[in-house]
Amino acid sequence: MAARPDGYEYVAANGYSYRKVNGEFVLIHHLIAAEQLGRPHDKATERVVFKDNNRANLDPSNIEVVQKVGGKNKRIETLLVRRAAIDEELRELGHVI
Protein backbone atom coordinates (compact mmCIF):
# COMPACT_ATOMS: atom_id res chain seq x y z
CA MET A 1 0.00 0.00 0.00
CA ALA A 2 1.37 3.40 -0.98
CA ALA A 3 1.82 6.10 1.63
CA ARG A 4 -1.06 8.57 1.80
CA PRO A 5 -0.28 12.13 0.70
CA ASP A 6 -0.66 15.19 2.91
CA GLY A 7 -4.27 16.33 2.82
CA TYR A 8 -5.62 12.76 2.81
CA GLU A 9 -8.60 12.43 5.17
CA TYR A 10 -10.41 9.48 6.67
CA VAL A 11 -12.92 8.68 9.41
CA ALA A 12 -11.72 6.10 11.93
CA ALA A 13 -13.94 3.37 13.38
CA ASN A 14 -14.34 5.50 16.54
CA GLY A 15 -15.99 8.27 14.47
CA TYR A 16 -13.13 10.79 14.62
CA SER A 17 -11.94 12.40 11.37
CA TYR A 18 -8.24 12.66 10.60
CA ARG A 19 -6.19 14.57 8.03
CA LYS A 20 -2.58 13.94 7.11
CA VAL A 21 -0.51 17.08 7.76
CA ASN A 22 3.27 17.19 7.40
CA GLY A 23 3.39 13.40 7.24
CA GLU A 24 1.29 12.78 10.38
CA PHE A 25 -2.40 12.17 10.91
CA VAL A 26 -4.07 14.87 13.01
CA LEU A 27 -7.61 15.07 14.33
CA ILE A 28 -9.52 17.47 12.10
CA HIS A 29 -11.42 19.04 14.99
CA HIS A 30 -8.02 19.89 16.54
CA LEU A 31 -7.01 21.62 13.31
CA ILE A 32 -10.26 23.61 13.36
CA ALA A 33 -9.68 24.60 16.99
CA ALA A 34 -6.12 25.70 16.22
CA GLU A 35 -7.41 27.91 13.43
CA GLN A 36 -9.99 29.46 15.77
CA LEU A 37 -7.44 30.03 18.54
CA GLY A 38 -4.63 31.15 16.26
CA ARG A 39 -2.44 28.51 17.92
CA PRO A 40 -2.51 24.79 18.71
CA HIS A 41 -4.50 23.99 21.83
CA ASP A 42 -2.51 23.15 24.97
CA LYS A 43 -3.03 19.41 25.32
CA ALA A 44 -2.01 19.52 29.00
CA THR A 45 -4.72 21.98 30.03
CA GLU A 46 -7.27 22.14 27.20
CA ARG A 47 -9.66 19.74 25.47
CA VAL A 48 -11.28 20.16 22.06
CA VAL A 49 -14.92 19.06 22.15
CA PHE A 50 -17.96 18.85 19.91
CA LYS A 51 -20.73 21.01 21.37
CA ASP A 52 -23.42 18.66 20.06
CA ASN A 53 -21.38 15.48 20.79
CA ASN A 54 -21.56 14.58 17.08
CA ARG A 55 -18.05 13.70 15.88
CA ALA A 56 -19.19 13.98 12.27
CA ASN A 57 -20.26 17.63 12.71
CA LEU A 58 -17.03 19.47 11.88
CA ASP A 59 -18.70 22.86 11.51
CA PRO A 60 -16.40 25.37 13.28
CA SER A 61 -19.37 26.64 15.33
CA ASN A 62 -19.64 23.11 16.80
CA ILE A 63 -15.99 22.95 17.91
CA GLU A 64 -15.05 24.32 21.33
CA VAL A 65 -11.87 24.42 23.41
CA VAL A 66 -12.50 23.89 27.12
CA GLN A 67 -10.24 23.75 30.13
CA LYS A 68 -9.52 20.28 31.48
CA VAL A 69 -10.81 19.64 34.97
CA GLY A 70 -9.89 16.81 37.23
CA GLY A 71 -7.40 14.16 36.28
CA LYS A 72 -3.66 14.61 36.53
CA ASN A 73 -3.66 18.42 36.46
CA LYS A 74 -6.17 18.66 39.31
CA ARG A 75 -4.17 16.16 41.39
CA ILE A 76 -0.96 18.15 40.85
CA GLU A 77 -2.73 21.35 41.89
CA THR A 78 -4.04 19.66 45.07
CA LEU A 79 -0.58 18.37 45.97
CA LEU A 80 1.04 21.77 45.39
CA VAL A 81 -1.48 23.43 47.72
CA ARG A 82 -0.79 20.79 50.38
CA ARG A 83 2.97 21.21 49.93
CA ALA A 84 2.68 24.99 50.34
CA ALA A 85 0.79 24.49 53.61
CA ILE A 86 3.44 22.05 54.88
CA ASP A 87 6.28 24.38 53.84
CA GLU A 88 4.59 27.24 55.70
CA GLU A 89 4.22 25.13 58.84
CA LEU A 90 7.89 24.11 58.65
CA ARG A 91 8.91 27.80 58.35
CA GLU A 92 6.76 28.65 61.40
CA LEU A 93 8.63 25.95 63.33
CA GLY A 94 11.94 27.51 62.34
CA HIS A 95 12.95 24.86 59.85
CA VAL A 96 14.96 26.12 56.88
CA ILE A 97 13.55 24.89 53.61
PDB file of N, CA and C in Angstrom:
ATOM      1  N   MET A   1       0.847  -1.183   0.000  1.00  0.00           N
ATOM      2  CA  MET A   1       0.000   0.000   0.000  1.00  0.00           C
ATOM      3  C   MET A   1       0.890   1.243   0.000  1.00  0.00           C
ATOM      4  N   ALA A   2       0.593   2.160  -0.870  1.00  0.00           N
ATOM      5  CA  ALA A   2       1.371   3.400  -0.976  1.00  0.00           C
ATOM      6  C   ALA A   2       1.044   4.321   0.188  1.00  0.00           C
ATOM      7  N   ALA A   3       2.031   5.138   0.556  1.00  0.00           N
ATOM      8  CA  ALA A   3       1.818   6.103   1.633  1.00  0.00           C
ATOM      9  C   ALA A   3       0.780   7.128   1.190  1.00  0.00           C
ATOM     10  N   ARG A   4      -0.036   7.562   2.101  1.00  0.00           N
ATOM     11  CA  ARG A   4      -1.063   8.567   1.800  1.00  0.00           C
ATOM     12  C   ARG A   4      -0.428   9.949   1.744  1.00  0.00           C
ATOM     13  N   PRO A   5      -0.858  10.780   0.811  1.00  0.00           N
ATOM     14  CA  PRO A   5      -0.277  12.132   0.697  1.00  0.00           C
ATOM     15  C   PRO A   5      -0.843  13.075   1.762  1.00  0.00           C
ATOM     16  N   ASP A   6      -0.122  14.149   2.028  1.00  0.00           N
ATOM     17  CA  ASP A   6      -0.655  15.188   2.906  1.00  0.00           C
ATOM     18  C   ASP A   6      -1.995  15.657   2.346  1.00  0.00           C
ATOM     19  N   GLY A   7      -2.934  15.923   3.235  1.00  0.00           N
ATOM     20  CA  GLY A   7      -4.270  16.334   2.823  1.00  0.00           C
ATOM     21  C   GLY A   7      -5.254  15.176   2.802  1.00  0.00           C
ATOM     22  N   TYR A   8      -4.740  13.939   2.804  1.00  0.00           N
ATOM     23  CA  TYR A   8      -5.617  12.757   2.809  1.00  0.00           C
ATOM     24  C   TYR A   8      -6.428  12.755   4.106  1.00  0.00           C
ATOM     25  N   GLU A   9      -7.716  12.457   3.999  1.00  0.00           N
ATOM     26  CA  GLU A   9      -8.597  12.427   5.169  1.00  0.00           C
ATOM     27  C   GLU A   9      -9.316  11.083   5.251  1.00  0.00           C
ATOM     28  N   TYR A  10      -9.612  10.679   6.465  1.00  0.00           N
ATOM     29  CA  TYR A  10     -10.412   9.476   6.669  1.00  0.00           C
ATOM     30  C   TYR A  10     -11.138   9.582   8.007  1.00  0.00           C
ATOM     31  N   VAL A  11     -12.168   8.773   8.159  1.00  0.00           N
ATOM     32  CA  VAL A  11     -12.917   8.681   9.414  1.00  0.00           C
ATOM     33  C   VAL A  11     -12.593   7.323  10.024  1.00  0.00           C
ATOM     34  N   ALA A  12     -12.080   7.333  11.228  1.00  0.00           N
ATOM     35  CA  ALA A  12     -11.719   6.097  11.927  1.00  0.00           C
ATOM     36  C   ALA A  12     -12.981   5.405  12.449  1.00  0.00           C
ATOM     37  N   ALA A  13     -12.819   4.160  12.857  1.00  0.00           N
ATOM     38  CA  ALA A  13     -13.940   3.371  13.376  1.00  0.00           C
ATOM     39  C   ALA A  13     -14.579   4.025  14.600  1.00  0.00           C
ATOM     40  N   ASN A  14     -13.801   4.836  15.338  1.00  0.00           N
ATOM     41  CA  ASN A  14     -14.342   5.499  16.536  1.00  0.00           C
ATOM     42  C   ASN A  14     -15.121   6.773  16.194  1.00  0.00           C
ATOM     43  N   GLY A  15     -15.205   7.112  14.906  1.00  0.00           N
ATOM     44  CA  GLY A  15     -15.985   8.268  14.472  1.00  0.00           C
ATOM     45  C   GLY A  15     -15.208   9.565  14.335  1.00  0.00           C
ATOM     46  N   TYR A  16     -13.942   9.581  14.736  1.00  0.00           N
ATOM     47  CA  TYR A  16     -13.135  10.789  14.618  1.00  0.00           C
ATOM     48  C   TYR A  16     -12.547  10.903  13.214  1.00  0.00           C
ATOM     49  N   SER A  17     -12.495  12.124  12.692  1.00  0.00           N
ATOM     50  CA  SER A  17     -11.943  12.396  11.365  1.00  0.00           C
ATOM     51  C   SER A  17     -10.504  12.861  11.491  1.00  0.00           C
ATOM     52  N   TYR A  18      -9.662  12.344  10.594  1.00  0.00           N
ATOM     53  CA  TYR A  18      -8.240  12.662  10.596  1.00  0.00           C
ATOM     54  C   TYR A  18      -7.828  13.206   9.241  1.00  0.00           C
ATOM     55  N   ARG A  19      -6.796  14.054   9.266  1.00  0.00           N
ATOM     56  CA  ARG A  19      -6.192  14.575   8.026  1.00  0.00           C
ATOM     57  C   ARG A  19      -4.679  14.435   8.173  1.00  0.00           C
ATOM     58  N   LYS A  20      -4.030  14.040   7.087  1.00  0.00           N
ATOM     59  CA  LYS A  20      -2.579  13.936   7.113  1.00  0.00           C
ATOM     60  C   LYS A  20      -1.980  15.321   6.871  1.00  0.00           C
ATOM     61  N   VAL A  21      -1.158  15.766   7.815  1.00  0.00           N
ATOM     62  CA  VAL A  21      -0.513  17.080   7.758  1.00  0.00           C
ATOM     63  C   VAL A  21       0.971  16.881   8.084  1.00  0.00           C
ATOM     64  N   ASN A  22       1.820  17.325   7.193  1.00  0.00           N
ATOM     65  CA  ASN A  22       3.270  17.187   7.396  1.00  0.00           C
ATOM     66  C   ASN A  22       3.667  15.753   7.746  1.00  0.00           C
ATOM     67  N   GLY A  23       3.029  14.806   7.063  1.00  0.00           N
ATOM     68  CA  GLY A  23       3.389  13.401   7.243  1.00  0.00           C
ATOM     69  C   GLY A  23       2.754  12.692   8.424  1.00  0.00           C
ATOM     70  N   GLU A  24       1.925  13.394   9.203  1.00  0.00           N
ATOM     71  CA  GLU A  24       1.295  12.781  10.377  1.00  0.00           C
ATOM     72  C   GLU A  24      -0.206  13.005  10.347  1.00  0.00           C
ATOM     73  N   PHE A  25      -0.948  12.027  10.852  1.00  0.00           N
ATOM     74  CA  PHE A  25      -2.397  12.171  10.910  1.00  0.00           C
ATOM     75  C   PHE A  25      -2.788  12.956  12.153  1.00  0.00           C
ATOM     76  N   VAL A  26      -3.637  13.961  11.942  1.00  0.00           N
ATOM     77  CA  VAL A  26      -4.073  14.871  13.007  1.00  0.00           C
ATOM     78  C   VAL A  26      -5.597  14.882  13.026  1.00  0.00           C
ATOM     79  N   LEU A  27      -6.168  14.956  14.219  1.00  0.00           N
ATOM     80  CA  LEU A  27      -7.615  15.067  14.335  1.00  0.00           C
ATOM     81  C   LEU A  27      -8.077  16.377  13.697  1.00  0.00           C
ATOM     82  N   ILE A  28      -9.064  16.277  12.817  1.00  0.00           N
ATOM     83  CA  ILE A  28      -9.516  17.466  12.098  1.00  0.00           C
ATOM     84  C   ILE A  28     -10.125  18.494  13.047  1.00  0.00           C
ATOM     85  N   HIS A  29     -10.843  18.046  14.078  1.00  0.00           N
ATOM     86  CA  HIS A  29     -11.417  19.039  14.989  1.00  0.00           C
ATOM     87  C   HIS A  29     -10.326  19.779  15.757  1.00  0.00           C
ATOM     88  N   HIS A  30      -9.141  19.177  15.925  1.00  0.00           N
ATOM     89  CA  HIS A  30      -8.018  19.892  16.542  1.00  0.00           C
ATOM     90  C   HIS A  30      -7.478  20.946  15.588  1.00  0.00           C
ATOM     91  N   LEU A  31      -7.455  20.632  14.295  1.00  0.00           N
ATOM     92  CA  LEU A  31      -7.015  21.620  13.306  1.00  0.00           C
ATOM     93  C   LEU A  31      -7.967  22.812  13.270  1.00  0.00           C
ATOM     94  N   ILE A  32      -9.259  22.540  13.353  1.00  0.00           N
ATOM     95  CA  ILE A  32     -10.262  23.608  13.355  1.00  0.00           C
ATOM     96  C   ILE A  32     -10.088  24.482  14.596  1.00  0.00           C
ATOM     97  N   ALA A  33      -9.879  23.844  15.744  1.00  0.00           N
ATOM     98  CA  ALA A  33      -9.684  24.596  16.989  1.00  0.00           C
ATOM     99  C   ALA A  33      -8.434  25.465  16.911  1.00  0.00           C
ATOM    100  N   ALA A  34      -7.362  24.929  16.350  1.00  0.00           N
ATOM    101  CA  ALA A  34      -6.117  25.701  16.224  1.00  0.00           C
ATOM    102  C   ALA A  34      -6.337  26.927  15.352  1.00  0.00           C
ATOM    103  N   GLU A  35      -7.118  26.763  14.306  1.00  0.00           N
ATOM    104  CA  GLU A  35      -7.413  27.906  13.431  1.00  0.00           C
ATOM    105  C   GLU A  35      -8.217  28.966  14.184  1.00  0.00           C
ATOM    106  N   GLN A  36      -9.177  28.524  14.991  1.00  0.00           N
ATOM    107  CA  GLN A  36      -9.990  29.462  15.770  1.00  0.00           C
ATOM    108  C   GLN A  36      -9.155  30.185  16.814  1.00  0.00           C
ATOM    109  N   LEU A  37      -8.262  29.446  17.478  1.00  0.00           N
ATOM    110  CA  LEU A  37      -7.438  30.027  18.540  1.00  0.00           C
ATOM    111  C   LEU A  37      -6.262  30.846  18.004  1.00  0.00           C
ATOM    112  N   GLY A  38      -5.833  30.528  16.797  1.00  0.00           N
ATOM    113  CA  GLY A  38      -4.626  31.146  16.255  1.00  0.00           C
ATOM    114  C   GLY A  38      -3.380  30.472  16.783  1.00  0.00           C
ATOM    115  N   ARG A  39      -3.551  29.292  17.362  1.00  0.00           N
ATOM    116  CA  ARG A  39      -2.444  28.513  17.923  1.00  0.00           C
ATOM    117  C   ARG A  39      -2.964  27.092  18.172  1.00  0.00           C
ATOM    118  N   PRO A  40      -2.049  26.122  18.310  1.00  0.00           N
ATOM    119  CA  PRO A  40      -2.513  24.788  18.710  1.00  0.00           C
ATOM    120  C   PRO A  40      -3.047  24.840  20.144  1.00  0.00           C
ATOM    121  N   HIS A  41      -4.018  24.008  20.451  1.00  0.00           N
ATOM    122  CA  HIS A  41      -4.499  23.991  21.834  1.00  0.00           C
ATOM    123  C   HIS A  41      -3.444  23.347  22.726  1.00  0.00           C
ATOM    124  N   ASP A  42      -3.452  23.699  23.992  1.00  0.00           N
ATOM    125  CA  ASP A  42      -2.510  23.151  24.973  1.00  0.00           C
ATOM    126  C   ASP A  42      -3.076  21.824  25.462  1.00  0.00           C
ATOM    127  N   LYS A  43      -2.497  20.734  25.000  1.00  0.00           N
ATOM    128  CA  LYS A  43      -3.029  19.405  25.324  1.00  0.00           C
ATOM    129  C   LYS A  43      -2.972  19.098  26.819  1.00  0.00           C
ATOM    130  N   ALA A  44      -2.102  19.775  27.558  1.00  0.00           N
ATOM    131  CA  ALA A  44      -2.005  19.525  28.997  1.00  0.00           C
ATOM    132  C   ALA A  44      -3.169  20.149  29.768  1.00  0.00           C
ATOM    133  N   THR A  45      -3.700  21.262  29.261  1.00  0.00           N
ATOM    134  CA  THR A  45      -4.719  21.982  30.027  1.00  0.00           C
ATOM    135  C   THR A  45      -6.035  22.198  29.295  1.00  0.00           C
ATOM    136  N   GLU A  46      -6.067  21.868  27.987  1.00  0.00           N
ATOM    137  CA  GLU A  46      -7.269  22.140  27.200  1.00  0.00           C
ATOM    138  C   GLU A  46      -7.739  20.886  26.462  1.00  0.00           C
ATOM    139  N   ARG A  47      -9.053  20.798  26.268  1.00  0.00           N
ATOM    140  CA  ARG A  47      -9.664  19.739  25.467  1.00  0.00           C
ATOM    141  C   ARG A  47     -10.433  20.392  24.332  1.00  0.00           C
ATOM    142  N   VAL A  48     -10.480  19.711  23.192  1.00  0.00           N
ATOM    143  CA  VAL A  48     -11.281  20.164  22.064  1.00  0.00           C
ATOM    144  C   VAL A  48     -12.501  19.252  22.003  1.00  0.00           C
ATOM    145  N   VAL A  49     -13.689  19.851  22.071  1.00  0.00           N
ATOM    146  CA  VAL A  49     -14.916  19.059  22.155  1.00  0.00           C
ATOM    147  C   VAL A  49     -15.919  19.480  21.077  1.00  0.00           C
ATOM    148  N   PHE A  50     -16.840  18.571  20.803  1.00  0.00           N
ATOM    149  CA  PHE A  50     -17.956  18.850  19.910  1.00  0.00           C
ATOM    150  C   PHE A  50     -19.129  19.295  20.774  1.00  0.00           C
ATOM    151  N   LYS A  51     -19.635  20.481  20.547  1.00  0.00           N
ATOM    152  CA  LYS A  51     -20.727  21.008  21.371  1.00  0.00           C
ATOM    153  C   LYS A  51     -21.943  20.095  21.350  1.00  0.00           C
ATOM    154  N   ASP A  52     -22.245  19.511  20.170  1.00  0.00           N
ATOM    155  CA  ASP A  52     -23.423  18.656  20.063  1.00  0.00           C
ATOM    156  C   ASP A  52     -23.098  17.162  20.230  1.00  0.00           C
ATOM    157  N   ASN A  53     -21.856  16.865  20.598  1.00  0.00           N
ATOM    158  CA  ASN A  53     -21.377  15.485  20.790  1.00  0.00           C
ATOM    159  C   ASN A  53     -21.387  14.649  19.521  1.00  0.00           C
ATOM    160  N   ASN A  54     -21.540  15.282  18.355  1.00  0.00           N
ATOM    161  CA  ASN A  54     -21.561  14.584  17.081  1.00  0.00           C
ATOM    162  C   ASN A  54     -20.194  14.726  16.423  1.00  0.00           C
ATOM    163  N   ARG A  55     -19.410  13.658  16.434  1.00  0.00           N
ATOM    164  CA  ARG A  55     -18.051  13.703  15.880  1.00  0.00           C
ATOM    165  C   ARG A  55     -18.012  13.955  14.385  1.00  0.00           C
ATOM    166  N   ALA A  56     -19.127  13.748  13.715  1.00  0.00           N
ATOM    167  CA  ALA A  56     -19.187  13.983  12.268  1.00  0.00           C
ATOM    168  C   ALA A  56     -19.476  15.446  11.935  1.00  0.00           C
ATOM    169  N   ASN A  57     -19.917  16.216  12.932  1.00  0.00           N
ATOM    170  CA  ASN A  57     -20.256  17.625  12.713  1.00  0.00           C
ATOM    171  C   ASN A  57     -19.002  18.484  12.916  1.00  0.00           C
ATOM    172  N   LEU A  58     -18.288  18.709  11.822  1.00  0.00           N
ATOM    173  CA  LEU A  58     -17.033  19.466  11.883  1.00  0.00           C
ATOM    174  C   LEU A  58     -17.222  20.950  11.583  1.00  0.00           C
ATOM    175  N   ASP A  59     -18.441  21.435  11.687  1.00  0.00           N
ATOM    176  CA  ASP A  59     -18.699  22.865  11.510  1.00  0.00           C
ATOM    177  C   ASP A  59     -17.939  23.613  12.609  1.00  0.00           C
ATOM    178  N   PRO A  60     -17.174  24.640  12.261  1.00  0.00           N
ATOM    179  CA  PRO A  60     -16.402  25.369  13.278  1.00  0.00           C
ATOM    180  C   PRO A  60     -17.248  25.862  14.460  1.00  0.00           C
ATOM    181  N   SER A  61     -18.523  26.182  14.229  1.00  0.00           N
ATOM    182  CA  SER A  61     -19.369  26.639  15.333  1.00  0.00           C
ATOM    183  C   SER A  61     -19.683  25.512  16.316  1.00  0.00           C
ATOM    184  N   ASN A  62     -19.395  24.269  15.935  1.00  0.00           N
ATOM    185  CA  ASN A  62     -19.645  23.112  16.796  1.00  0.00           C
ATOM    186  C   ASN A  62     -18.397  22.677  17.561  1.00  0.00           C
ATOM    187  N   ILE A  63     -17.260  23.316  17.286  1.00  0.00           N
ATOM    188  CA  ILE A  63     -15.987  22.949  17.911  1.00  0.00           C
ATOM    189  C   ILE A  63     -15.667  23.963  19.004  1.00  0.00           C
ATOM    190  N   GLU A  64     -15.322  23.443  20.179  1.00  0.00           N
ATOM    191  CA  GLU A  64     -15.053  24.323  21.326  1.00  0.00           C
ATOM    192  C   GLU A  64     -13.827  23.823  22.084  1.00  0.00           C
ATOM    193  N   VAL A  65     -13.016  24.752  22.570  1.00  0.00           N
ATOM    194  CA  VAL A  65     -11.873  24.420  23.415  1.00  0.00           C
ATOM    195  C   VAL A  65     -12.266  24.724  24.852  1.00  0.00           C
ATOM    196  N   VAL A  66     -12.135  23.721  25.709  1.00  0.00           N
ATOM    197  CA  VAL A  66     -12.496  23.889  27.122  1.00  0.00           C
ATOM    198  C   VAL A  66     -11.304  23.512  27.995  1.00  0.00           C
ATOM    199  N   GLN A  67     -11.290  24.070  29.180  1.00  0.00           N
ATOM    200  CA  GLN A  67     -10.239  23.748  30.131  1.00  0.00           C
ATOM    201  C   GLN A  67     -10.475  22.357  30.701  1.00  0.00           C
ATOM    202  N   LYS A  68      -9.408  21.588  30.855  1.00  0.00           N
ATOM    203  CA  LYS A  68      -9.517  20.277  31.478  1.00  0.00           C
ATOM    204  C   LYS A  68      -9.758  20.463  32.968  1.00  0.00           C
ATOM    205  N   VAL A  69     -10.583  19.643  33.525  1.00  0.00           N
ATOM    206  CA  VAL A  69     -10.809  19.645  34.968  1.00  0.00           C
ATOM    207  C   VAL A  69     -10.607  18.225  35.462  1.00  0.00           C
ATOM    208  N   GLY A  70     -10.124  18.135  36.682  1.00  0.00           N
ATOM    209  CA  GLY A  70      -9.887  16.812  37.234  1.00  0.00           C
ATOM    210  C   GLY A  70      -8.644  16.181  36.641  1.00  0.00           C
ATOM    211  N   GLY A  71      -8.517  14.902  36.836  1.00  0.00           N
ATOM    212  CA  GLY A  71      -7.400  14.164  36.277  1.00  0.00           C
ATOM    213  C   GLY A  71      -6.065  14.581  36.870  1.00  0.00           C
ATOM    214  N   LYS A  72      -5.031  14.377  36.095  1.00  0.00           N
ATOM    215  CA  LYS A  72      -3.656  14.613  36.531  1.00  0.00           C
ATOM    216  C   LYS A  72      -3.416  16.059  36.950  1.00  0.00           C
ATOM    217  N   ASN A  73      -3.900  17.004  36.147  1.00  0.00           N
ATOM    218  CA  ASN A  73      -3.656  18.419  36.458  1.00  0.00           C
ATOM    219  C   ASN A  73      -4.284  18.822  37.790  1.00  0.00           C
ATOM    220  N   LYS A  74      -5.491  18.346  38.050  1.00  0.00           N
ATOM    221  CA  LYS A  74      -6.169  18.657  39.310  1.00  0.00           C
ATOM    222  C   LYS A  74      -5.411  18.050  40.482  1.00  0.00           C
ATOM    223  N   ARG A  75      -4.924  16.818  40.319  1.00  0.00           N
ATOM    224  CA  ARG A  75      -4.171  16.161  41.391  1.00  0.00           C
ATOM    225  C   ARG A  75      -2.882  16.924  41.691  1.00  0.00           C
ATOM    226  N   ILE A  76      -2.193  17.373  40.653  1.00  0.00           N
ATOM    227  CA  ILE A  76      -0.962  18.146  40.846  1.00  0.00           C
ATOM    228  C   ILE A  76      -1.272  19.431  41.604  1.00  0.00           C
ATOM    229  N   GLU A  77      -2.341  20.113  41.213  1.00  0.00           N
ATOM    230  CA  GLU A  77      -2.733  21.351  41.892  1.00  0.00           C
ATOM    231  C   GLU A  77      -3.014  21.088  43.376  1.00  0.00           C
ATOM    232  N   THR A  78      -3.726  20.022  43.675  1.00  0.00           N
ATOM    233  CA  THR A  78      -4.043  19.665  45.066  1.00  0.00           C
ATOM    234  C   THR A  78      -2.768  19.410  45.856  1.00  0.00           C
ATOM    235  N   LEU A  79      -1.829  18.674  45.276  1.00  0.00           N
ATOM    236  CA  LEU A  79      -0.576  18.373  45.967  1.00  0.00           C
ATOM    237  C   LEU A  79       0.257  19.625  46.189  1.00  0.00           C
ATOM    238  N   LEU A  80       0.275  20.532  45.229  1.00  0.00           N
ATOM    239  CA  LEU A  80       1.040  21.773  45.390  1.00  0.00           C
ATOM    240  C   LEU A  80       0.469  22.635  46.512  1.00  0.00           C
ATOM    241  N   VAL A  81      -0.846  22.677  46.630  1.00  0.00           N
ATOM    242  CA  VAL A  81      -1.479  23.429  47.715  1.00  0.00           C
ATOM    243  C   VAL A  81      -1.108  22.799  49.062  1.00  0.00           C
ATOM    244  N   ARG A  82      -1.170  21.476  49.137  1.00  0.00           N
ATOM    245  CA  ARG A  82      -0.787  20.787  50.383  1.00  0.00           C
ATOM    246  C   ARG A  82       0.665  21.045  50.727  1.00  0.00           C
ATOM    247  N   ARG A  83       1.543  20.981  49.689  1.00  0.00           N
ATOM    248  CA  ARG A  83       2.967  21.206  49.925  1.00  0.00           C
ATOM    249  C   ARG A  83       3.215  22.613  50.437  1.00  0.00           C
ATOM    250  N   ALA A  84       2.515  23.601  49.885  1.00  0.00           N
ATOM    251  CA  ALA A  84       2.679  24.987  50.336  1.00  0.00           C
ATOM    252  C   ALA A  84       2.295  25.111  51.809  1.00  0.00           C
ATOM    253  N   ALA A  85       1.218  24.431  52.204  1.00  0.00           N
ATOM    254  CA  ALA A  85       0.794  24.487  53.606  1.00  0.00           C
ATOM    255  C   ALA A  85       1.834  23.832  54.511  1.00  0.00           C
ATOM    256  N   ILE A  86       2.415  22.726  54.092  1.00  0.00           N
ATOM    257  CA  ILE A  86       3.445  22.046  54.882  1.00  0.00           C
ATOM    258  C   ILE A  86       4.701  22.903  54.971  1.00  0.00           C
ATOM    259  N   ASP A  87       5.107  23.503  53.830  1.00  0.00           N
ATOM    260  CA  ASP A  87       6.282  24.380  53.835  1.00  0.00           C
ATOM    261  C   ASP A  87       6.085  25.550  54.797  1.00  0.00           C
ATOM    262  N   GLU A  88       4.881  26.126  54.797  1.00  0.00           N
ATOM    263  CA  GLU A  88       4.587  27.242  55.701  1.00  0.00           C
ATOM    264  C   GLU A  88       4.691  26.796  57.155  1.00  0.00           C
ATOM    265  N   GLU A  89       4.146  25.641  57.467  1.00  0.00           N
ATOM    266  CA  GLU A  89       4.219  25.133  58.842  1.00  0.00           C
ATOM    267  C   GLU A  89       5.664  24.876  59.253  1.00  0.00           C
ATOM    268  N   LEU A  90       6.465  24.336  58.356  1.00  0.00           N
ATOM    269  CA  LEU A  90       7.886  24.109  58.648  1.00  0.00           C
ATOM    270  C   LEU A  90       8.599  25.436  58.913  1.00  0.00           C
ATOM    271  N   ARG A  91       8.302  26.474  58.124  1.00  0.00           N
ATOM    272  CA  ARG A  91       8.911  27.797  58.354  1.00  0.00           C
ATOM    273  C   ARG A  91       8.512  28.337  59.729  1.00  0.00           C
ATOM    274  N   GLU A  92       7.238  28.174  60.086  1.00  0.00           N
ATOM    275  CA  GLU A  92       6.758  28.646  61.398  1.00  0.00           C
ATOM    276  C   GLU A  92       7.476  27.942  62.542  1.00  0.00           C
ATOM    277  N   LEU A  93       7.906  26.716  62.318  1.00  0.00           N
ATOM    278  CA  LEU A  93       8.626  25.949  63.333  1.00  0.00           C
ATOM    279  C   LEU A  93      10.126  26.220  63.299  1.00  0.00           C
ATOM    280  N   GLY A  94      10.535  27.116  62.400  1.00  0.00           N
ATOM    281  CA  GLY A  94      11.939  27.510  62.340  1.00  0.00           C
ATOM    282  C   GLY A  94      12.802  26.609  61.485  1.00  0.00           C
ATOM    283  N   HIS A  95      12.184  25.745  60.724  1.00  0.00           N
ATOM    284  CA  HIS A  95      12.949  24.859  59.850  1.00  0.00           C
ATOM    285  C   HIS A  95      13.281  25.569  58.550  1.00  0.00           C
ATOM    286  N   VAL A  96      14.547  25.500  58.139  1.00  0.00           N
ATOM    287  CA  VAL A  96      14.958  26.122  56.883  1.00  0.00           C
ATOM    288  C   VAL A  96      14.649  25.189  55.735  1.00  0.00           C
ATOM    289  N   ILE A  97      13.954  25.722  54.765  1.00  0.00           N
ATOM    290  CA  ILE A  97      13.553  24.887  53.611  1.00  0.00           C
ATOM    291  C   ILE A  97      14.539  25.094  52.489  1.00  0.00           C
TER     292      ILE A  97
END
